[in-house]
Amino acid sequence: MIVLIAAVLGVVVGLSRAKARGGNRLDMAQYAAVHG
């Protein structure tokens, strides 16, 4: 359960960071996968 929450949090953080970098959707997905 805790691992699932951490994974979701990682994806959210990854998406927000990629968005801040101005990445496109593919870049955001890749970033989220790496950090999630």
N, C-alpha and C. Protein backbone atom coordinates (compact mmCIF):
# COMPACT_ATOMS: atom_id res chain seq x y z
N MET A 1 0.84 -1.21 0.00
CA MET A 1 0.00 0.00 0.00
C MET A 1 0.88 1.26 0.00
N ILE A 2 1.85 1.29 0.89
CA ILE A 2 2.76 2.44 0.97
C ILE A 2 3.55 2.59 -0.33
N VAL A 3 3.95 1.46 -0.90
CA VAL A 3 4.71 1.48 -2.16
C VAL A 3 3.87 2.08 -3.27
N LEU A 4 2.59 1.72 -3.30
CA LEU A 4 1.68 2.24 -4.32
C LEU A 4 1.54 3.76 -4.20
N ILE A 5 1.39 4.24 -2.98
CA ILE A 5 1.28 5.68 -2.74
C ILE A 5 2.55 6.39 -3.19
N ALA A 6 3.70 5.80 -2.86
CA ALA A 6 4.99 6.39 -3.25
C ALA A 6 5.13 6.43 -4.77
N ALA A 7 4.67 5.38 -5.45
CA ALA A 7 4.75 5.33 -6.91
C ALA A 7 3.88 6.41 -7.54
N VAL A 8 2.66 6.57 -7.03
CA VAL A 8 1.75 7.60 -7.54
C VAL A 8 2.34 8.99 -7.30
N LEU A 9 2.90 9.18 -6.11
CA LEU A 9 3.53 10.46 -5.77
C LEU A 9 4.69 10.74 -6.72
N GLY A 10 5.49 9.71 -7.01
CA GLY A 10 6.62 9.86 -7.92
C GLY A 10 6.19 10.28 -9.31
N VAL A 11 5.08 9.70 -9.79
CA VAL A 11 4.55 10.05 -11.11
C VAL A 11 4.09 11.50 -11.12
N VAL A 12 3.38 11.91 -10.07
CA VAL A 12 2.88 13.28 -9.99
C VAL A 12 4.03 14.28 -9.97
N VAL A 13 5.05 13.99 -9.16
CA VAL A 13 6.22 14.86 -9.08
C VAL A 13 6.95 14.90 -10.42
N GLY A 14 7.10 13.73 -11.04
CA GLY A 14 7.75 13.66 -12.34
C GLY A 14 7.02 14.47 -13.40
N LEU A 15 5.69 14.36 -13.41
CA LEU A 15 4.89 15.10 -14.38
C LEU A 15 5.01 16.61 -14.16
N SER A 16 4.94 17.04 -12.91
CA SER A 16 5.01 18.47 -12.62
C SER A 16 6.38 19.03 -12.97
N ARG A 17 7.44 18.25 -12.72
CA ARG A 17 8.79 18.69 -13.06
C ARG A 17 8.97 18.78 -14.56
N ALA A 18 8.46 17.79 -15.29
CA ALA A 18 8.56 17.78 -16.75
C ALA A 18 7.77 18.95 -17.34
N LYS A 19 6.63 19.24 -16.74
CA LYS A 19 5.79 20.35 -17.20
C LYS A 19 6.53 21.67 -16.97
N ALA A 20 7.21 21.77 -15.85
CA ALA A 20 7.97 22.97 -15.52
C ALA A 20 9.13 23.17 -16.50
N ARG A 21 9.68 22.05 -16.99
CA ARG A 21 10.76 22.10 -17.98
C ARG A 21 10.24 22.43 -19.37
N GLY A 22 8.93 22.38 -19.55
CA GLY A 22 8.32 22.66 -20.85
C GLY A 22 8.39 21.48 -21.79
N GLY A 23 8.42 20.28 -21.24
CA GLY A 23 8.50 19.08 -22.07
C GLY A 23 7.16 18.77 -22.71
N ASN A 24 7.21 18.05 -23.82
CA ASN A 24 5.98 17.64 -24.48
C ASN A 24 5.42 16.40 -23.78
N ARG A 25 4.33 15.85 -24.28
CA ARG A 25 3.65 14.74 -23.61
C ARG A 25 4.53 13.49 -23.52
N LEU A 26 5.27 13.22 -24.58
CA LEU A 26 6.15 12.05 -24.60
C LEU A 26 7.26 12.21 -23.56
N ASP A 27 7.82 13.40 -23.50
CA ASP A 27 8.88 13.70 -22.54
C ASP A 27 8.35 13.55 -21.12
N MET A 28 7.13 14.04 -20.89
CA MET A 28 6.52 13.95 -19.57
C MET A 28 6.30 12.49 -19.18
N ALA A 29 5.84 11.68 -20.14
CA ALA A 29 5.59 10.27 -19.87
C ALA A 29 6.90 9.54 -19.55
N GLN A 30 7.94 9.86 -20.29
CA GLN A 30 9.25 9.24 -20.07
C GLN A 30 9.79 9.64 -18.70
N TYR A 31 9.68 10.92 -18.38
CA TYR A 31 10.16 11.44 -17.10
C TYR A 31 9.41 10.78 -15.94
N ALA A 32 8.09 10.66 -16.10
CA ALA A 32 7.26 10.04 -15.06
C ALA A 32 7.64 8.57 -14.88
N ALA A 33 7.92 7.88 -15.99
CA ALA A 33 8.29 6.47 -15.92
C ALA A 33 9.61 6.29 -15.19
N VAL A 34 10.55 7.18 -15.44
CA VAL A 34 11.88 7.09 -14.81
C VAL A 34 11.78 7.37 -13.31
N HIS A 35 11.01 8.38 -12.94
CA HIS A 35 10.94 8.79 -11.54
C HIS A 35 9.82 8.12 -10.77
N GLY A 36 8.97 7.37 -11.47
CA GLY A 36 7.84 6.73 -10.81
C GLY A 36 8.16 5.37 -10.39
